[in-house]
Amino acid sequence: MKKSVLIVCASLLFSLFVSCSSIPKDEKPLWADSYTVEQIFPHKEYVTGLAHASNEELARTLAEANLAAYFTCEINSVTKAHQALANTGENRESIDREITIKSQITLAGVQHTQSWRSFGDKQYYDCAYLNRKEAFANYESTIISAQKRFYSFYNSALNEKDPFKKIALFNESKIAGQEYSDVLDFSLILYKSGYEKYEKDISVIAGIDEKITKAKLNISINVTTNNVGKPYKALIEKIISDAGYSHKKTEFSYSVIVTIQADKAVFTDTIVVEPSVSVEVRNDNESILLFYKKTEQISGFKDAEKFVDMKVHKTITDIIEQDFKLEIYR
């Protein structure tokens, strides 16, 4: 009887040994491989970032960087990792690393799996993951804020009666619209189902240029200058035409009044000039736009007065072609 019991026990111990020895000691988790990670974190529901490194902390950081890099169209993510391994007699490892991550938004809700260490390559594996629906719920306040800002300019432009002011507001709404578009682009990649209720706003933003063009058809401009400004009148009219406005001598809706100062202060041996350009855009009732710029002193010897005149002319021309042009194109 005792012999039978011993035989049974030995048999059980042998079975247990065989069973235990058949369990892989270094089995790679499904989430640790780019080919199988979707079995754990389906792409439709999650964004993931995988990484491995020689220590656990670096693996986690690189995993987050790889997750952020998924949003390449919306997130400027720059990741630099340099690992220098130095083995000493005691098999110690030193790591020199620099990791920089720059992004347009902070991704809330990023989680991590428990790191897994491979006995084969001695690397730590990590998976950073983000639930799309939950992340969108956190991000939606950013969308709503950008939407409200855009429509505050856009609706003001629609309601504005003065065409010149209307164009200025539409241009402001274009800037806000671009910011809003960036937010929507990100939300599309983050969670398409959430993005779809805001999708109609993309066509509204895209239609602003057409509305600006129509508003310009209602604007005709007459340019007048003081005596000093007469040589620059044709240049100003060209800039106005290139901006999409027509200029007329009669039956115009806006006056552009240009005043240029270039008075010379004559001293014993030198000439000093402080050029300035002033432009006012008016309708029948009020000033719509005021532009003024004064430059630093231009000086030269009396014997080289023509050289001073050339410098003054170039300075005034530059103000008109650069600063005033920028103002009229807004």
Protein backbone atom coordinates (compact mmCIF):
# COMPACT_ATOMS: atom_id res chain seq x y z
CA MET A 1 0.00 0.00 0.00
CA LYS A 2 2.78 2.38 0.94
CA LYS A 3 4.59 1.49 -2.26
CA SER A 4 1.50 2.35 -4.32
CA VAL A 5 1.19 5.75 -2.63
CA LEU A 6 4.84 6.51 -3.36
CA ILE A 7 4.38 5.61 -7.00
CA VAL A 8 1.32 7.89 -7.30
CA CYS A 9 3.15 10.81 -5.64
CA ALA A 10 6.17 10.37 -7.86
CA SER A 11 3.92 10.33 -10.90
CA LEU A 12 2.18 13.55 -9.84
CA LEU A 13 5.49 15.30 -9.16
CA PHE A 14 6.80 14.28 -12.58
CA SER A 15 3.64 15.54 -14.30
CA LEU A 16 3.90 18.86 -12.44
CA PHE A 17 7.58 19.21 -13.45
CA VAL A 18 6.80 18.55 -17.11
CA SER A 19 3.86 20.96 -17.01
CA CYS A 20 5.88 23.77 -15.43
CA SER A 21 8.81 23.28 -17.73
CA SER A 22 6.49 23.71 -20.74
CA ILE A 23 5.44 27.29 -19.71
CA PRO A 24 7.51 29.86 -21.68
CA LYS A 25 9.55 31.98 -19.33
CA ASP A 26 10.08 34.79 -21.84
CA GLU A 27 6.76 34.95 -23.69
CA LYS A 28 6.28 38.36 -25.35
CA PRO A 29 2.95 40.04 -24.53
CA LEU A 30 0.64 40.72 -27.46
CA TRP A 31 0.72 44.47 -26.77
CA ALA A 32 4.53 44.54 -27.07
CA ASP A 33 4.54 43.76 -30.80
CA SER A 34 3.29 46.09 -33.54
CA TYR A 35 1.79 43.09 -35.36
CA THR A 36 -0.37 41.96 -32.45
CA VAL A 37 -0.97 45.12 -30.38
CA GLU A 38 -4.32 45.66 -32.10
CA GLN A 39 -5.62 42.45 -30.59
CA ILE A 40 -5.39 44.18 -27.20
CA PHE A 41 -5.93 47.78 -28.29
CA PRO A 42 -8.07 47.95 -31.48
CA HIS A 43 -6.99 50.87 -33.69
CA LYS A 44 -10.56 52.14 -33.98
CA GLU A 45 -10.75 52.59 -30.22
CA TYR A 46 -7.15 53.35 -29.20
CA VAL A 47 -4.03 55.20 -30.22
CA THR A 48 -0.88 53.38 -29.14
CA GLY A 49 2.83 54.00 -28.93
CA LEU A 50 5.31 51.16 -28.51
CA ALA A 51 8.92 51.42 -27.40
CA HIS A 52 11.71 49.48 -25.81
CA ALA A 53 14.85 50.67 -24.08
CA SER A 54 17.52 49.53 -21.69
CA ASN A 55 15.68 50.91 -18.69
CA GLU A 56 12.03 51.15 -17.75
CA GLU A 57 11.79 54.94 -17.45
CA LEU A 58 13.24 55.56 -20.91
CA ALA A 59 10.93 52.95 -22.43
CA ARG A 60 7.89 54.75 -20.97
CA THR A 61 9.05 58.13 -22.22
CA LEU A 62 9.77 56.86 -25.72
CA ALA A 63 6.39 55.09 -25.83
CA GLU A 64 4.63 58.39 -25.09
CA ALA A 65 6.71 60.12 -27.76
CA ASN A 66 5.75 57.47 -30.30
CA LEU A 67 2.09 57.85 -29.38
CA ALA A 68 2.32 61.63 -29.88
CA ALA A 69 4.09 61.08 -33.22
CA TYR A 70 0.92 59.39 -34.49
CA PHE A 71 -0.64 62.84 -34.79
CA THR A 72 2.00 64.03 -37.24
CA CYS A 73 -0.33 66.47 -39.05
CA GLU A 74 -1.39 68.28 -35.88
CA ILE A 75 1.40 67.72 -33.38
CA ASN A 76 4.91 68.99 -33.92
CA SER A 77 6.63 66.18 -32.15
CA VAL A 78 10.36 66.09 -32.18
CA THR A 79 11.88 63.15 -30.44
CA LYS A 80 15.58 62.75 -30.09
CA ALA A 81 16.97 59.84 -28.14
CA HIS A 82 20.61 59.03 -27.87
CA GLN A 83 21.70 56.06 -25.86
CA ALA A 84 25.35 55.48 -25.08
CA LEU A 85 26.05 52.16 -23.50
CA ALA A 86 29.30 51.73 -21.62
CA ASN A 87 30.03 48.36 -20.13
CA THR A 88 32.56 48.29 -17.32
CA GLY A 89 34.07 45.31 -15.56
CA GLU A 90 31.03 45.30 -13.29
CA ASN A 91 28.71 45.33 -16.35
CA ARG A 92 27.33 48.74 -15.40
CA GLU A 93 25.40 50.71 -17.98
CA SER A 94 25.42 54.46 -18.47
CA ILE A 95 22.77 56.13 -20.58
CA ASP A 96 23.11 59.54 -22.13
CA ARG A 97 19.72 60.65 -23.42
CA GLU A 98 17.93 63.78 -24.55
CA ILE A 99 14.26 63.62 -25.33
CA THR A 100 12.33 66.64 -26.58
CA ILE A 101 8.60 66.51 -27.24
CA LYS A 102 6.83 69.62 -28.52
CA SER A 103 3.12 69.42 -29.18
CA GLN A 104 0.22 71.72 -29.92
CA ILE A 105 -1.83 70.16 -27.15
CA THR A 106 -1.31 68.12 -24.03
CA LEU A 107 -2.80 64.68 -24.44
CA ALA A 108 -4.78 63.91 -21.32
CA GLY A 109 -5.59 60.36 -20.40
CA VAL A 110 -2.47 58.56 -21.68
CA GLN A 111 -2.01 55.26 -19.85
CA HIS A 112 0.68 52.60 -19.85
CA THR A 113 0.81 48.85 -19.68
CA GLN A 114 3.01 47.32 -17.02
CA SER A 115 6.50 47.24 -18.51
CA TRP A 116 7.79 43.86 -19.64
CA ARG A 117 11.48 42.91 -19.61
CA SER A 118 12.78 40.54 -22.22
CA PHE A 119 15.35 38.07 -20.98
CA GLY A 120 16.59 37.69 -24.54
CA ASP A 121 17.66 41.24 -25.45
CA LYS A 122 17.56 42.61 -21.87
CA GLN A 123 15.21 45.39 -23.01
CA TYR A 124 12.22 46.88 -21.24
CA TYR A 125 9.06 47.07 -23.39
CA ASP A 126 6.28 49.60 -22.83
CA CYS A 127 3.00 50.47 -24.53
CA ALA A 128 1.41 53.90 -24.07
CA TYR A 129 -2.25 53.92 -25.05
CA LEU A 130 -5.04 56.46 -25.34
CA ASN A 131 -8.75 55.72 -25.51
CA ARG A 132 -9.99 57.78 -28.47
CA LYS A 133 -13.52 58.41 -27.22
CA GLU A 134 -12.40 59.42 -23.74
CA ALA A 135 -9.63 61.64 -25.12
CA PHE A 136 -12.09 63.35 -27.46
CA ALA A 137 -14.41 64.04 -24.53
CA ASN A 138 -11.52 65.83 -22.79
CA TYR A 139 -10.51 67.64 -25.99
CA GLU A 140 -13.98 68.79 -27.02
CA SER A 141 -13.82 71.91 -24.84
CA THR A 142 -10.87 73.04 -27.00
CA ILE A 143 -12.96 72.51 -30.13
CA ILE A 144 -15.90 74.47 -28.73
CA SER A 145 -13.66 77.34 -27.65
CA ALA A 146 -12.06 77.58 -31.12
CA GLN A 147 -15.49 77.36 -32.74
CA LYS A 148 -16.91 80.19 -30.65
CA ARG A 149 -13.92 82.41 -31.38
CA PHE A 150 -14.22 81.82 -35.10
CA TYR A 151 -17.95 82.50 -35.26
CA SER A 152 -17.63 85.67 -33.18
CA PHE A 153 -15.57 87.21 -36.01
CA TYR A 154 -17.50 85.52 -38.80
CA ASN A 155 -20.94 86.58 -37.59
CA SER A 156 -19.72 90.12 -36.93
CA ALA A 157 -18.50 90.25 -40.53
CA LEU A 158 -21.84 89.02 -41.85
CA ASN A 159 -23.70 91.68 -39.86
CA GLU A 160 -21.33 94.57 -40.71
CA LYS A 161 -22.82 97.03 -43.25
CA ASP A 162 -19.65 98.85 -44.25
CA PRO A 163 -17.83 96.78 -46.92
CA PHE A 164 -14.34 97.85 -45.82
CA LYS A 165 -15.01 96.95 -42.19
CA LYS A 166 -16.69 93.74 -43.34
CA ILE A 167 -13.52 92.69 -45.16
CA ALA A 168 -11.37 93.45 -42.11
CA LEU A 169 -13.63 91.25 -39.96
CA PHE A 170 -13.63 88.47 -42.56
CA ASN A 171 -9.83 88.56 -42.55
CA GLU A 172 -9.86 88.26 -38.76
CA SER A 173 -12.24 85.33 -39.08
CA LYS A 174 -9.84 83.69 -41.56
CA ILE A 175 -7.10 83.73 -38.95
CA ALA A 176 -9.45 82.33 -36.30
CA GLY A 177 -10.76 79.88 -38.90
CA GLN A 178 -7.29 78.53 -39.57
CA GLU A 179 -6.77 77.93 -35.88
CA TYR A 180 -10.16 76.24 -35.70
CA SER A 181 -9.32 74.10 -38.75
CA ASP A 182 -6.14 72.89 -37.05
CA VAL A 183 -8.16 71.87 -34.02
CA LEU A 184 -10.68 70.06 -36.22
CA ASP A 185 -7.94 68.29 -38.17
CA PHE A 186 -6.58 66.95 -34.92
CA SER A 187 -10.01 65.86 -33.72
CA LEU A 188 -10.58 64.01 -37.01
CA ILE A 189 -7.49 61.88 -36.42
CA LEU A 190 -8.24 61.50 -32.75
CA TYR A 191 -11.88 60.38 -33.01
CA LYS A 192 -13.73 60.64 -36.32
CA SER A 193 -17.18 60.00 -34.84
CA GLY A 194 -16.81 63.02 -32.55
CA TYR A 195 -15.40 65.20 -35.35
CA GLU A 196 -18.37 64.65 -37.66
CA LYS A 197 -20.76 67.00 -35.84
CA TYR A 198 -18.31 69.90 -36.44
CA GLU A 199 -17.41 68.94 -40.01
CA LYS A 200 -19.84 71.42 -41.61
CA ASP A 201 -17.77 74.32 -40.27
CA ILE A 202 -14.92 73.41 -42.65
CA SER A 203 -16.98 74.52 -45.66
CA VAL A 204 -17.91 77.76 -43.85
CA ILE A 205 -14.23 78.56 -43.33
CA ALA A 206 -13.42 77.67 -46.93
CA GLY A 207 -16.08 80.11 -48.19
CA ILE A 208 -14.61 83.23 -46.56
CA ASP A 209 -12.41 84.21 -49.51
CA GLU A 210 -15.43 84.27 -51.81
CA LYS A 211 -17.27 86.57 -49.41
CA ILE A 212 -14.25 88.90 -49.27
CA THR A 213 -14.15 89.04 -53.06
CA LYS A 214 -17.85 89.92 -53.22
CA ALA A 215 -17.40 92.65 -50.60
CA LYS A 216 -14.56 94.20 -52.62
CA LEU A 217 -16.90 94.60 -55.58
CA ASN A 218 -18.81 97.17 -53.51
CA ILE A 219 -15.72 99.29 -52.88
CA SER A 220 -14.36 102.01 -55.15
CA ILE A 221 -11.50 104.24 -54.03
CA ASN A 222 -10.19 107.65 -54.96
CA VAL A 223 -6.60 108.52 -54.03
CA THR A 224 -5.50 112.05 -53.22
CA THR A 225 -2.06 113.17 -52.06
CA ASN A 226 -0.30 116.31 -50.89
CA ASN A 227 2.36 117.83 -53.18
CA VAL A 228 5.19 115.73 -51.78
CA GLY A 229 3.11 112.61 -52.26
CA LYS A 230 2.24 113.10 -55.94
CA PRO A 231 5.20 111.04 -57.24
CA TYR A 232 3.90 108.10 -55.21
CA LYS A 233 0.22 108.29 -56.21
CA ALA A 234 0.52 105.78 -59.07
CA LEU A 235 2.29 103.30 -56.79
CA ILE A 236 -0.45 103.60 -54.16
CA GLU A 237 -3.18 103.14 -56.80
CA LYS A 238 -1.43 100.03 -58.10
CA ILE A 239 -1.25 98.50 -54.61
CA ILE A 240 -4.95 99.22 -54.14
CA SER A 241 -5.79 97.62 -57.51
CA ASP A 242 -3.62 94.58 -56.79
CA ALA A 243 -5.48 94.15 -53.51
CA GLY A 244 -8.73 93.78 -55.47
CA TYR A 245 -10.18 97.28 -55.10
CA SER A 246 -11.11 99.59 -57.98
CA HIS A 247 -10.06 103.23 -57.96
CA LYS A 248 -12.17 105.98 -59.51
CA LYS A 249 -11.99 109.72 -59.94
CA THR A 250 -15.76 110.16 -59.52
CA GLU A 251 -18.61 108.30 -57.82
CA PHE A 252 -16.28 106.53 -55.43
CA SER A 253 -17.28 105.13 -52.05
CA TYR A 254 -13.99 105.68 -50.19
CA SER A 255 -11.30 108.34 -50.17
CA VAL A 256 -7.67 107.47 -49.55
CA ILE A 257 -5.87 110.58 -48.35
CA VAL A 258 -2.08 110.29 -48.49
CA THR A 259 0.18 112.79 -46.73
CA ILE A 260 3.93 112.44 -47.11
CA GLN A 261 6.41 114.60 -45.21
CA ALA A 262 10.04 114.91 -46.27
CA ASP A 263 11.04 118.37 -45.09
CA LYS A 264 14.77 119.07 -45.06
CA ALA A 265 16.58 120.63 -42.14
CA VAL A 266 19.61 122.40 -43.59
CA PHE A 267 22.65 123.01 -41.41
CA THR A 268 26.10 124.42 -42.20
CA ASP A 269 27.46 121.32 -43.87
CA THR A 270 24.67 118.74 -43.62
CA ILE A 271 21.04 118.02 -44.53
CA VAL A 272 18.71 116.05 -42.24
CA VAL A 273 15.33 114.56 -43.25
CA GLU A 274 12.78 112.59 -41.21
CA PRO A 275 10.39 111.09 -43.80
CA SER A 276 6.89 110.04 -42.78
CA VAL A 277 3.90 108.52 -44.54
CA SER A 278 0.31 109.00 -43.38
CA VAL A 279 -2.71 107.33 -45.03
CA GLU A 280 -6.36 107.71 -44.06
CA VAL A 281 -9.20 105.69 -45.58
CA ARG A 282 -12.59 107.38 -45.18
CA ASN A 283 -16.16 106.82 -46.21
CA ASP A 284 -18.73 109.62 -46.18
CA ASN A 285 -19.11 109.47 -42.41
CA GLU A 286 -15.92 108.30 -40.70
CA SER A 287 -12.32 107.17 -40.86
CA ILE A 288 -12.09 103.45 -41.54
CA LEU A 289 -8.34 103.01 -41.49
CA LEU A 290 -5.44 105.12 -40.25
CA PHE A 291 -1.85 104.32 -41.15
CA TYR A 292 1.22 106.29 -40.09
CA LYS A 293 4.92 105.53 -40.12
CA LYS A 294 7.90 107.77 -39.44
CA THR A 295 11.44 106.64 -40.15
CA GLU A 296 14.75 107.43 -38.53
CA GLN A 297 16.66 110.49 -39.63
CA ILE A 298 18.35 110.44 -43.01
CA SER A 299 21.36 112.72 -43.22
CA GLY A 300 24.13 113.64 -45.64
CA PHE A 301 26.44 116.40 -46.69
CA LYS A 302 25.03 119.42 -48.49
CA ASP A 303 27.29 118.70 -51.43
CA ALA A 304 25.60 115.31 -51.80
CA GLU A 305 21.98 116.48 -51.66
CA LYS A 306 20.93 114.27 -54.59
CA PHE A 307 22.20 111.23 -52.72
CA VAL A 308 20.07 112.25 -49.71
CA ASP A 309 17.04 112.69 -51.99
CA MET A 310 17.56 109.20 -53.40
CA LYS A 311 17.70 107.69 -49.90
CA VAL A 312 14.53 109.55 -48.90
CA HIS A 313 12.72 108.38 -52.04
CA LYS A 314 13.72 104.76 -51.45
CA THR A 315 12.67 104.94 -47.80
CA ILE A 316 9.22 106.31 -48.64
CA THR A 317 8.78 103.77 -51.44
CA ASP A 318 9.68 100.93 -49.07
CA ILE A 319 7.11 102.14 -46.53
CA ILE A 320 4.39 102.19 -49.19
CA GLU A 321 5.35 98.87 -50.81
CA GLN A 322 5.82 97.00 -47.55
CA ASP A 323 4.05 98.53 -44.54
CA PHE A 324 1.09 100.20 -46.28
CA LYS A 325 0.62 97.21 -48.59
CA LEU A 326 0.45 94.91 -45.59
CA GLU A 327 -2.17 97.15 -44.00
CA ILE A 328 -4.37 97.37 -47.11
CA TYR A 329 -4.22 93.62 -47.68
CA ARG A 330 -5.60 92.81 -44.23
